[in-house]
């Protein structure tokens, strides 16, 4: 997406403006409404447009096209993102669109509007025999104001990072073996200042990454660990981010039903978010030392696959009895979290499509947030809210640790009860971060949408990228 500032609407370019409830013009909309009002009112009546969120009305007269989008009674930055997306989709064939939505007196309005347009413009067409040849969007900002270029540069970097994460998730599993995914990330990182390091199977053995090795046993495509590092002089903080990267999850020998496998190409969405966020953090030059770990493996029921009853030894020496081979994400995360904790960062954040239980609890739109400290939880929640991604703090009750007690190992990888299984999973993860402040986002719901909604497409959403970037930014302050 390209962004440019304009003082007036270019002839033939549709312009997106905001309307409050009861058809009240928002900032920047009054003059355009006045110019087309005679035509607009009948159109509003015909489509039932009242200025409510999600509504739009396209008015064309005398060669001018005005797209009115509803903002409701009150609007925040996330509301502007969604409204921008509604406006973009109302004229989705247009290669250039102008807007006044950013004129709303809301903190971060310009960045949110650019993100909304850019994220709504996403299309995944890599496997279409006849892809749409439409160029990417050019967005014209009317009365942009001072400093718009820096805001636009930052917003487009975030849009590009989210789009990369979406692409990685949407790629069919046949074409993203663990090493394939790692190489795509390394290629993207090569255009930035990031340092990339790839640990193959031999290195995983040397580094005692027993969880990752165990999960990867059932596939002829071996596991690997990708490490991306953003280094700066005199960093203001040190952040580690860890992503679950199961490139396809059949469940292993504890095999899933066929309908449950249909979207399992998305089981690496946590790693995709880490990769996208690291690219953005590097491009933005944030003054924080950030290390990203993507724990990549394919969980298949091949002849060498791990079995229920096996015991794995993770990097920090703790042992895990494998009860259910479909509870594999926590096994690869155990190693990656142990590794991340060794560098003693100020905070570790991991993202994983970890449990169906979290999706049952919070639905498709909200991620569960667990942490080993209230301050850490509040910090991550604040970053998510500022970024426009929805998370909900969940309890981490110590007495639930009995759910992962094992008779023969330090812990078992699957809860002994169907109740509280999401808490059991996070209590296992907590065993591998030591005393480091840590938070976990279970993104099983929002990582992959079954249907599109405003700027979020059907399929991979790129959830988590914006939260990670905002968290790094907040730690820099």
Protein backbone atom coordinates (compact mmCIF):
# COMPACT_ATOMS: atom_id res chain seq x y z
CA UNK A 1 0.00 0.00 0.00
CA UNK A 2 1.14 3.51 -0.84
CA UNK A 3 0.10 6.54 1.19
CA UNK A 4 0.26 10.15 0.04
CA UNK A 5 -1.08 13.47 1.29
CA UNK A 6 -3.51 15.53 -0.80
CA UNK A 7 -5.06 18.93 -0.27
CA UNK A 8 -8.13 18.16 -2.34
CA UNK A 9 -9.92 15.11 -3.69
CA UNK A 10 -8.46 13.88 -6.97
CA UNK A 11 -11.05 13.81 -9.76
CA UNK A 12 -12.50 10.31 -10.10
CA UNK A 13 -11.12 9.07 -6.79
CA UNK A 14 -13.73 7.86 -4.26
CA UNK A 15 -13.47 9.48 -0.83
CA UNK A 16 -14.40 7.75 2.42
CA UNK A 17 -15.92 9.94 5.14
CA UNK A 18 -17.41 9.23 8.54
CA UNK A 19 -20.97 9.67 9.78
CA UNK A 20 -22.09 9.49 13.39
CA UNK A 21 -25.40 8.02 14.53
CA UNK A 22 -28.55 9.69 13.17
CA UNK A 23 -26.62 10.69 10.04
CA UNK A 24 -24.58 13.40 11.75
CA UNK A 25 -21.42 14.22 9.76
CA UNK A 26 -18.16 13.46 11.54
CA UNK A 27 -15.10 15.69 11.28
CA UNK A 28 -14.11 16.14 7.66
CA UNK A 29 -17.48 14.98 6.29
CA UNK A 30 -19.73 18.08 6.36
CA UNK A 31 -18.54 19.71 3.13
CA UNK A 32 -18.66 16.47 1.15
CA UNK A 33 -22.10 15.64 2.53
CA UNK A 34 -23.31 19.10 1.57
CA UNK A 35 -22.04 18.68 -1.97
CA UNK A 36 -24.03 15.47 -2.56
CA UNK A 37 -26.84 15.76 0.00
CA UNK A 38 -29.70 15.83 -2.51
CA UNK A 39 -28.57 12.45 -3.85
CA UNK A 40 -27.28 11.08 -0.55
CA UNK A 41 -30.54 11.19 1.42
CA UNK A 42 -32.45 8.90 -0.96
CA UNK A 43 -29.47 6.52 -0.99
CA UNK A 44 -29.34 6.51 2.81
CA UNK A 45 -33.05 5.74 2.93
CA UNK A 46 -32.76 2.97 0.35
CA UNK A 47 -29.94 1.11 2.13
CA UNK A 48 -31.05 1.90 5.69
CA UNK A 49 -27.92 3.91 6.46
CA UNK A 50 -28.12 5.63 9.87
CA UNK A 51 -24.42 6.08 10.65
CA UNK A 52 -24.08 2.97 12.82
CA UNK A 53 -20.82 0.95 12.94
CA UNK A 54 -20.51 -1.48 10.05
CA UNK A 55 -22.89 0.47 7.79
CA UNK A 56 -21.89 2.11 4.53
CA UNK A 57 -23.56 3.98 1.68
CA UNK A 58 -21.97 4.80 -1.67
CA UNK A 59 -23.19 8.00 -3.30
CA UNK A 60 -22.16 8.86 -6.86
CA UNK A 61 -23.07 12.12 -8.56
CA UNK A 62 -21.47 14.35 -11.22
CA UNK A 63 -18.40 12.12 -11.45
CA UNK A 64 -17.88 12.26 -7.68
CA UNK A 65 -18.08 9.16 -5.44
CA UNK A 66 -18.45 9.58 -1.70
CA UNK A 67 -18.47 6.55 0.60
CA UNK A 68 -20.19 7.24 3.91
CA UNK A 69 -19.27 4.86 6.72
CA UNK A 70 -20.94 4.63 10.11
CA UNK A 71 -19.08 5.47 13.31
CA UNK A 72 -21.91 5.29 15.85
CA UNK A 73 -22.30 7.54 18.89
CA UNK A 74 -18.74 7.10 20.16
CA UNK A 75 -15.65 5.98 18.29
CA UNK A 76 -12.11 5.04 19.27
CA UNK A 77 -9.03 4.09 17.26
CA UNK A 78 -10.24 0.53 16.76
CA UNK A 79 -13.58 1.85 15.54
CA UNK A 80 -11.71 3.93 12.97
CA UNK A 81 -9.77 0.87 11.79
CA UNK A 82 -13.01 -1.01 11.28
CA UNK A 83 -14.71 1.95 9.58
CA UNK A 84 -11.77 2.41 7.21
CA UNK A 85 -12.03 -1.26 6.30
CA UNK A 86 -15.76 -0.97 5.63
CA UNK A 87 -15.04 2.00 3.37
CA UNK A 88 -12.33 0.13 1.51
CA UNK A 89 -14.56 -2.87 0.89
CA UNK A 90 -17.39 -0.66 -0.36
CA UNK A 91 -15.19 0.33 -3.31
CA UNK A 92 -12.92 -2.70 -3.45
CA UNK A 93 -12.21 -2.38 -7.17
CA UNK A 94 -10.76 1.13 -6.82
CA UNK A 95 -6.98 1.31 -6.94
CA UNK A 96 -6.90 4.76 -5.29
CA UNK A 97 -9.09 5.91 -2.40
CA UNK A 98 -9.10 9.17 -0.44
CA UNK A 99 -10.31 9.71 3.13
CA UNK A 100 -11.04 12.23 5.88
CA UNK A 101 -11.59 9.66 8.63
CA UNK A 102 -8.30 10.59 10.29
CA UNK A 103 -9.67 14.06 11.12
CA UNK A 104 -11.51 12.61 14.11
CA UNK A 105 -9.96 14.01 17.30
CA UNK A 106 -8.82 10.63 18.60
CA UNK A 107 -5.30 9.69 19.68
CA UNK A 108 -3.63 7.64 16.96
CA UNK A 109 -6.40 8.29 14.44
CA UNK A 110 -4.18 8.61 11.37
CA UNK A 111 -2.24 5.41 12.04
CA UNK A 112 -5.43 3.49 12.80
CA UNK A 113 -7.10 4.65 9.58
CA UNK A 114 -4.10 3.70 7.45
CA UNK A 115 -3.94 0.30 9.13
CA UNK A 116 -7.66 -0.25 8.55
CA UNK A 117 -7.41 0.47 4.85
CA UNK A 118 -4.24 -1.55 4.41
CA UNK A 119 -5.36 -4.60 6.39
CA UNK A 120 -8.70 -4.66 4.55
CA UNK A 121 -6.88 -4.62 1.23
CA UNK A 122 -5.20 -7.97 1.94
CA UNK A 123 -5.75 -10.80 -0.55
CA UNK A 124 -4.22 -14.27 -0.65
CA UNK A 125 -4.04 -15.41 -4.25
CA UNK A 126 -0.87 -17.48 -4.47
CA UNK A 127 -2.72 -20.61 -5.58
CA UNK A 128 -5.26 -19.07 -7.98
CA UNK A 129 -4.78 -19.90 -11.66
CA UNK A 130 -6.17 -16.48 -12.57
CA UNK A 131 -5.39 -14.06 -9.74
CA UNK A 132 -6.89 -10.60 -9.60
CA UNK A 133 -4.47 -8.26 -11.31
CA UNK A 134 -5.61 -5.17 -9.36
CA UNK A 135 -2.71 -3.16 -8.00
CA UNK A 136 -2.31 -2.66 -4.29
CA UNK A 137 -4.12 0.30 -2.80
CA UNK A 138 -2.96 3.91 -2.98
CA UNK A 139 -4.45 5.85 -0.07
CA UNK A 140 -4.78 9.63 -0.29
CA UNK A 141 -4.92 11.44 3.07
CA UNK A 142 -6.80 14.73 2.82
CA UNK A 143 -5.46 17.52 5.05
CA UNK A 144 -2.87 15.15 6.47
CA UNK A 145 -1.17 17.61 8.82
CA UNK A 146 2.39 17.70 10.08
CA UNK A 147 4.27 14.50 10.75
CA UNK A 148 2.03 12.37 8.56
CA UNK A 149 4.93 10.71 6.73
CA UNK A 150 6.37 9.15 9.87
CA UNK A 151 2.96 7.87 10.96
CA UNK A 152 2.27 6.48 7.50
CA UNK A 153 5.65 4.75 7.38
CA UNK A 154 5.02 3.08 10.73
CA UNK A 155 1.47 2.05 9.87
CA UNK A 156 2.44 0.55 6.52
CA UNK A 157 5.28 -1.38 8.17
CA UNK A 158 2.75 -2.93 10.55
CA UNK A 159 0.35 -3.68 7.69
CA UNK A 160 3.14 -5.40 5.77
CA UNK A 161 4.14 -7.43 8.84
CA UNK A 162 0.57 -8.58 9.49
CA UNK A 163 0.19 -9.46 5.82
CA UNK A 164 3.35 -11.56 5.95
CA UNK A 165 2.03 -13.43 8.99
CA UNK A 166 -1.28 -14.01 7.19
CA UNK A 167 0.53 -15.33 4.13
CA UNK A 168 2.54 -17.77 6.24
CA UNK A 169 -0.59 -19.09 7.95
CA UNK A 170 -2.55 -19.39 4.70
CA UNK A 171 0.20 -21.30 2.89
CA UNK A 172 -0.86 -24.95 2.41
CA UNK A 173 0.95 -27.35 4.75
CA UNK A 174 2.56 -29.28 1.91
CA UNK A 175 4.51 -26.15 1.03
CA UNK A 176 5.61 -25.13 4.52
CA UNK A 177 7.67 -27.84 6.10
CA UNK A 178 9.46 -26.49 9.19
CA UNK A 179 12.63 -25.69 7.26
CA UNK A 180 10.63 -24.18 4.37
CA UNK A 181 8.89 -21.80 6.76
CA UNK A 182 12.17 -20.91 8.41
CA UNK A 183 13.77 -20.13 5.04
CA UNK A 184 10.88 -17.84 4.08
CA UNK A 185 11.38 -15.97 7.33
CA UNK A 186 15.13 -15.76 6.83
CA UNK A 187 14.58 -14.36 3.34
CA UNK A 188 12.24 -11.69 4.71
CA UNK A 189 14.68 -10.91 7.52
CA UNK A 190 17.55 -10.51 5.05
CA UNK A 191 15.98 -7.23 3.92
CA UNK A 192 16.23 -5.86 7.45
CA UNK A 193 18.94 -5.57 10.10
CA UNK A 194 17.75 -8.73 11.88
CA UNK A 195 20.22 -11.49 12.62
CA UNK A 196 18.82 -14.92 11.74
CA UNK A 197 19.98 -18.24 13.13
CA UNK A 198 18.58 -21.67 12.22
CA UNK A 199 19.02 -24.71 14.43
CA UNK A 200 18.66 -27.97 12.51
CA UNK A 201 18.09 -31.42 14.03
CA UNK A 202 21.73 -31.95 14.87
CA UNK A 203 21.84 -28.61 16.66
CA UNK A 204 18.58 -29.41 18.45
CA UNK A 205 20.12 -32.64 19.73
CA UNK A 206 23.26 -30.82 20.83
CA UNK A 207 21.18 -28.19 22.62
CA UNK A 208 19.03 -30.86 24.34
CA UNK A 209 15.74 -29.69 22.81
CA UNK A 210 13.91 -32.91 23.68
CA UNK A 211 10.40 -31.54 23.31
CA UNK A 212 10.91 -30.34 19.76
CA UNK A 213 12.70 -33.52 18.77
CA UNK A 214 9.94 -35.68 20.23
CA UNK A 215 7.16 -33.88 18.37
CA UNK A 216 9.04 -34.06 15.09
CA UNK A 217 9.63 -37.82 15.18
CA UNK A 218 6.51 -38.71 13.21
CA UNK A 219 7.37 -36.66 10.13
CA UNK A 220 10.10 -37.17 7.56
CA UNK A 221 10.37 -33.36 7.47
CA UNK A 222 12.50 -32.55 10.51
CA UNK A 223 11.87 -29.87 13.13
CA UNK A 224 14.01 -26.76 13.49
CA UNK A 225 14.29 -23.65 15.63
CA UNK A 226 14.46 -20.19 14.09
CA UNK A 227 16.01 -17.42 16.14
CA UNK A 228 15.71 -13.78 15.02
CA UNK A 229 17.51 -11.02 16.89
CA UNK A 230 16.97 -7.26 16.82
CA UNK A 231 19.99 -5.61 18.43
CA UNK A 232 20.45 -1.92 19.23
CA UNK A 233 23.02 0.12 21.09
CA UNK A 234 22.02 0.88 24.66
CA UNK A 235 18.64 -0.90 24.56
CA UNK A 236 16.04 0.42 26.94
CA UNK A 237 14.69 -3.07 27.64
CA UNK A 238 15.12 -6.69 26.70
CA UNK A 239 12.16 -8.63 25.30
CA UNK A 240 11.87 -12.27 24.18
CA UNK A 241 8.96 -13.52 22.09
CA UNK A 242 8.27 -17.18 21.45
CA UNK A 243 5.91 -18.68 18.89
CA UNK A 244 4.44 -22.16 18.52
CA UNK A 245 5.14 -23.29 14.96
CA UNK A 246 3.42 -26.60 14.27
CA UNK A 247 3.28 -26.42 10.48
CA UNK A 248 0.61 -29.10 10.39
CA UNK A 249 -1.03 -30.84 13.31
CA UNK A 250 -2.63 -34.20 12.64
CA UNK A 251 -2.61 -34.94 16.36
CA UNK A 252 0.14 -37.51 15.92
CA UNK A 253 -0.82 -41.01 17.08
CA UNK A 254 -3.62 -39.38 19.11
CA UNK A 255 -5.00 -38.49 15.72
CA UNK A 256 -7.61 -35.81 15.15
CA UNK A 257 -10.82 -36.39 13.21
CA UNK A 258 -10.62 -35.29 9.57
CA UNK A 259 -12.84 -32.22 10.04
CA UNK A 260 -10.63 -31.04 12.91
CA UNK A 261 -7.58 -31.21 10.64
CA UNK A 262 -9.03 -28.93 7.95
CA UNK A 263 -7.56 -25.75 9.45
CA UNK A 264 -4.47 -27.26 11.06
CA UNK A 265 -2.19 -25.46 8.65
CA UNK A 266 -2.85 -22.56 11.05
CA UNK A 267 -1.21 -24.27 14.03
CA UNK A 268 1.93 -22.25 13.38
CA UNK A 269 0.14 -18.89 13.74
CA UNK A 270 2.10 -18.06 16.89
CA UNK A 271 5.39 -18.45 15.03
CA UNK A 272 3.99 -16.44 12.11
CA UNK A 273 3.13 -13.59 14.49
CA UNK A 274 6.64 -13.67 15.95
CA UNK A 275 8.20 -13.56 12.47
CA UNK A 276 5.99 -10.71 11.27
CA UNK A 277 6.51 -8.70 14.46
CA UNK A 278 10.29 -9.11 14.34
CA UNK A 279 10.32 -7.74 10.78
CA UNK A 280 8.25 -4.73 11.84
CA UNK A 281 10.30 -4.07 14.99
CA UNK A 282 13.48 -4.04 12.92
CA UNK A 283 12.02 -1.73 10.27
CA UNK A 284 10.75 0.65 12.95
CA UNK A 285 14.13 0.64 14.67
CA UNK A 286 12.64 0.36 18.15
CA UNK A 287 15.31 0.92 20.87
CA UNK A 288 14.67 -2.46 22.53
CA UNK A 289 16.68 -5.66 22.30
CA UNK A 290 14.21 -8.25 21.00
CA UNK A 291 14.81 -11.93 20.33
CA UNK A 292 12.20 -13.99 18.54
CA UNK A 293 12.05 -17.78 18.71
CA UNK A 294 9.93 -19.85 16.33
CA UNK A 295 9.70 -23.49 17.43
CA UNK A 296 8.90 -25.30 14.17
CA UNK A 297 7.80 -28.93 13.80
CA UNK A 298 5.25 -31.07 12.00
CA UNK A 299 3.08 -33.37 14.12
CA UNK A 300 2.35 -36.52 12.09
CA UNK A 301 1.70 -40.20 12.97
CA UNK A 302 4.63 -41.70 11.06
CA UNK A 303 6.33 -44.94 12.00
CA UNK A 304 8.82 -43.17 14.25
CA UNK A 305 6.23 -41.00 16.02
CA UNK A 306 6.29 -40.53 19.77
CA UNK A 307 3.79 -42.64 21.66
CA UNK A 308 1.45 -41.98 24.58
CA UNK A 309 3.51 -43.07 27.58
CA UNK A 310 6.84 -41.78 26.26
CA UNK A 311 8.84 -39.40 28.43
CA UNK A 312 10.68 -36.41 26.97
CA UNK A 313 13.42 -34.34 28.58
CA UNK A 314 13.20 -30.63 27.83
CA UNK A 315 16.12 -28.24 27.56
CA UNK A 316 16.02 -27.21 31.21
CA UNK A 317 16.20 -30.85 32.31
CA UNK A 318 12.59 -31.26 33.37
CA UNK A 319 10.79 -34.37 32.16
CA UNK A 320 7.35 -34.60 30.56
CA UNK A 321 5.25 -37.74 30.21
CA UNK A 322 3.43 -37.70 26.88
CA UNK A 323 -0.16 -38.72 27.58
CA UNK A 324 -1.71 -37.20 24.45
CA UNK A 325 0.41 -36.63 21.34
CA UNK A 326 -2.14 -33.98 20.26
CA UNK A 327 -0.96 -31.80 23.15
CA UNK A 328 2.27 -31.12 21.27
CA UNK A 329 2.43 -27.34 21.25
CA UNK A 330 3.41 -27.15 24.89
CA UNK A 331 6.24 -29.62 24.21
CA UNK A 332 7.94 -27.43 21.59
CA UNK A 333 7.27 -24.33 23.67
CA UNK A 334 8.89 -25.94 26.72
CA UNK A 335 12.23 -25.99 24.90
CA UNK A 336 11.90 -22.55 23.34
CA UNK A 337 10.78 -20.94 26.61
CA UNK A 338 13.69 -22.56 28.46
CA UNK A 339 16.08 -21.16 25.87
CA UNK A 340 14.52 -17.71 26.01
CA UNK A 341 14.70 -17.62 29.82
CA UNK A 342 18.43 -18.33 29.82
CA UNK A 343 19.16 -14.84 28.47
CA UNK A 344 17.22 -13.30 31.40
CA UNK A 345 15.06 -10.85 29.44
CA UNK A 346 12.84 -8.31 31.14
CA UNK A 347 9.80 -10.13 29.78
CA UNK A 348 8.95 -13.25 27.78
CA UNK A 349 5.76 -13.36 25.74
CA UNK A 350 4.72 -16.53 23.98
CA UNK A 351 1.90 -16.89 21.46
CA UNK A 352 0.33 -20.21 20.56
CA UNK A 353 -2.77 -21.79 19.12
CA UNK A 354 -2.56 -23.91 22.21
CA UNK A 355 -5.93 -25.21 23.34
CA UNK A 356 -9.41 -25.76 22.01
CA UNK A 357 -10.57 -25.11 25.55
CA UNK A 358 -9.59 -21.45 25.30
CA UNK A 359 -11.53 -21.13 22.06
CA UNK A 360 -14.57 -22.68 23.74
CA UNK A 361 -14.24 -20.20 26.61
CA UNK A 362 -13.58 -16.99 24.67
CA UNK A 363 -14.75 -17.69 21.14
CA UNK A 364 -13.09 -16.87 17.85
CA UNK A 365 -12.30 -13.20 18.49
CA UNK A 366 -10.54 -13.04 21.87
CA UNK A 367 -7.21 -14.48 23.00
CA UNK A 368 -6.67 -15.80 26.51
CA UNK A 369 -3.94 -14.09 28.54
CA UNK A 370 -2.07 -15.90 31.30
CA UNK A 371 0.92 -14.64 33.26
CA UNK A 372 3.12 -15.34 36.27
CA UNK A 373 2.68 -11.76 37.54
CA UNK A 374 -0.09 -9.16 37.63
CA UNK A 375 2.15 -6.33 36.42
CA UNK A 376 3.26 -8.38 33.43
CA UNK A 377 -0.33 -9.28 32.59
CA UNK A 378 -1.38 -5.64 32.77
CA UNK A 379 1.50 -4.60 30.53
CA UNK A 380 0.60 -7.10 27.82
CA UNK A 381 -3.13 -6.35 28.10
CA UNK A 382 -2.45 -2.62 27.72
CA UNK A 383 -0.34 -3.26 24.62
CA UNK A 384 -3.07 -5.41 23.10
CA UNK A 385 -5.74 -2.79 23.80
CA UNK A 386 -3.62 -0.03 22.25
CA UNK A 387 -3.02 -2.22 19.21
CA UNK A 388 -6.69 -3.06 18.76
CA UNK A 389 -6.36 -6.79 19.49
CA UNK A 390 -8.69 -8.32 22.07
CA UNK A 391 -7.29 -10.37 24.96
CA UNK A 392 -8.81 -11.44 28.26
CA UNK A 393 -6.84 -12.11 31.48
CA UNK A 394 -7.32 -15.66 32.73
CA UNK A 395 -6.53 -17.19 36.15
CA UNK A 396 -3.37 -19.15 36.87
CA UNK A 397 -4.36 -21.07 40.03
CA UNK A 398 -1.42 -22.87 41.60
CA UNK A 399 -3.58 -25.68 42.99
CA UNK A 400 -4.54 -26.67 39.43
CA UNK A 401 -0.99 -27.97 39.04
CA UNK A 402 -2.35 -31.31 40.26
CA UNK A 403 -3.91 -31.65 36.79
CA UNK A 404 -0.47 -32.26 35.29
CA UNK A 405 1.00 -34.53 37.95
CA UNK A 406 2.67 -37.65 36.58
CA UNK A 407 3.55 -40.90 38.32
CA UNK A 408 6.82 -41.34 36.44
CA UNK A 409 7.94 -37.87 35.28
CA UNK A 410 8.02 -34.29 36.52
CA UNK A 411 4.72 -33.59 34.77
CA UNK A 412 2.34 -34.92 32.15
CA UNK A 413 1.56 -33.05 28.94
CA UNK A 414 -2.22 -33.44 29.10
CA UNK A 415 -4.65 -32.60 31.87
CA UNK A 416 -6.02 -35.43 33.99
CA UNK A 417 -9.45 -33.76 33.74
CA UNK A 418 -11.43 -32.31 30.85
CA UNK A 419 -12.16 -29.33 33.10
CA UNK A 420 -9.61 -26.57 33.44
CA UNK A 421 -7.44 -27.99 30.66
CA UNK A 422 -6.39 -24.56 29.38
CA UNK A 423 -5.05 -23.70 32.85
CA UNK A 424 -3.27 -27.06 32.98
CA UNK A 425 -1.50 -26.26 29.72
CA UNK A 426 -0.28 -22.86 30.91
CA UNK A 427 0.82 -24.24 34.27
CA UNK A 428 3.04 -26.61 32.31
CA UNK A 429 4.50 -23.73 30.30
CA UNK A 430 5.25 -21.85 33.51
CA UNK A 431 7.65 -24.64 34.52
CA UNK A 432 10.04 -23.51 31.78
CA UNK A 433 10.42 -19.75 32.35
CA UNK A 434 12.07 -19.78 35.76
CA UNK A 435 11.76 -16.44 37.56
CA UNK A 436 11.51 -14.35 34.38
CA UNK A 437 8.33 -12.25 34.00
CA UNK A 438 6.26 -14.15 31.46
CA UNK A 439 2.94 -13.96 29.68
CA UNK A 440 1.20 -16.41 27.41
CA UNK A 441 -1.40 -15.63 24.73
CA UNK A 442 -3.56 -18.54 23.63
CA UNK A 443 -4.60 -17.38 20.16
CA UNK A 444 -6.47 -20.52 19.10
CA UNK A 445 -9.57 -18.44 18.38
CA UNK A 446 -8.45 -15.17 16.75
CA UNK A 447 -5.54 -16.63 14.72
CA UNK A 448 -7.84 -18.06 12.03
CA UNK A 449 -11.30 -16.74 11.16
CA UNK A 450 -14.08 -18.82 9.62
CA UNK A 451 -15.54 -15.72 7.95
CA UNK A 452 -14.30 -12.21 7.17
CA UNK A 453 -15.08 -9.23 9.39
CA UNK A 454 -14.15 -5.61 8.56
CA UNK A 455 -10.32 -5.58 8.20
CA UNK A 456 -9.92 -9.23 9.25
CA UNK A 457 -10.06 -11.73 6.36
CA UNK A 458 -11.31 -15.26 6.34
CA UNK A 459 -8.38 -17.56 7.13
CA UNK A 460 -5.14 -16.38 8.70
CA UNK A 461 -5.56 -13.09 10.56
CA UNK A 462 -2.02 -12.21 11.65
CA UNK A 463 -3.29 -11.81 15.21
CA UNK A 464 -0.56 -10.91 17.69
CA UNK A 465 1.75 -8.97 15.39
CA UNK A 466 0.36 -5.59 16.43
CA UNK A 467 0.33 -6.52 20.13
CA UNK A 468 3.99 -7.57 20.04
CA UNK A 469 5.04 -4.38 18.26
CA UNK A 470 3.07 -2.24 20.71
CA UNK A 471 4.56 -4.15 23.66
CA UNK A 472 8.07 -3.50 22.36
CA UNK A 473 7.22 0.15 21.83
CA UNK A 474 5.85 0.49 25.36
CA UNK A 475 8.97 -1.14 26.82
CA UNK A 476 11.09 1.36 24.90
CA UNK A 477 9.33 4.18 26.73
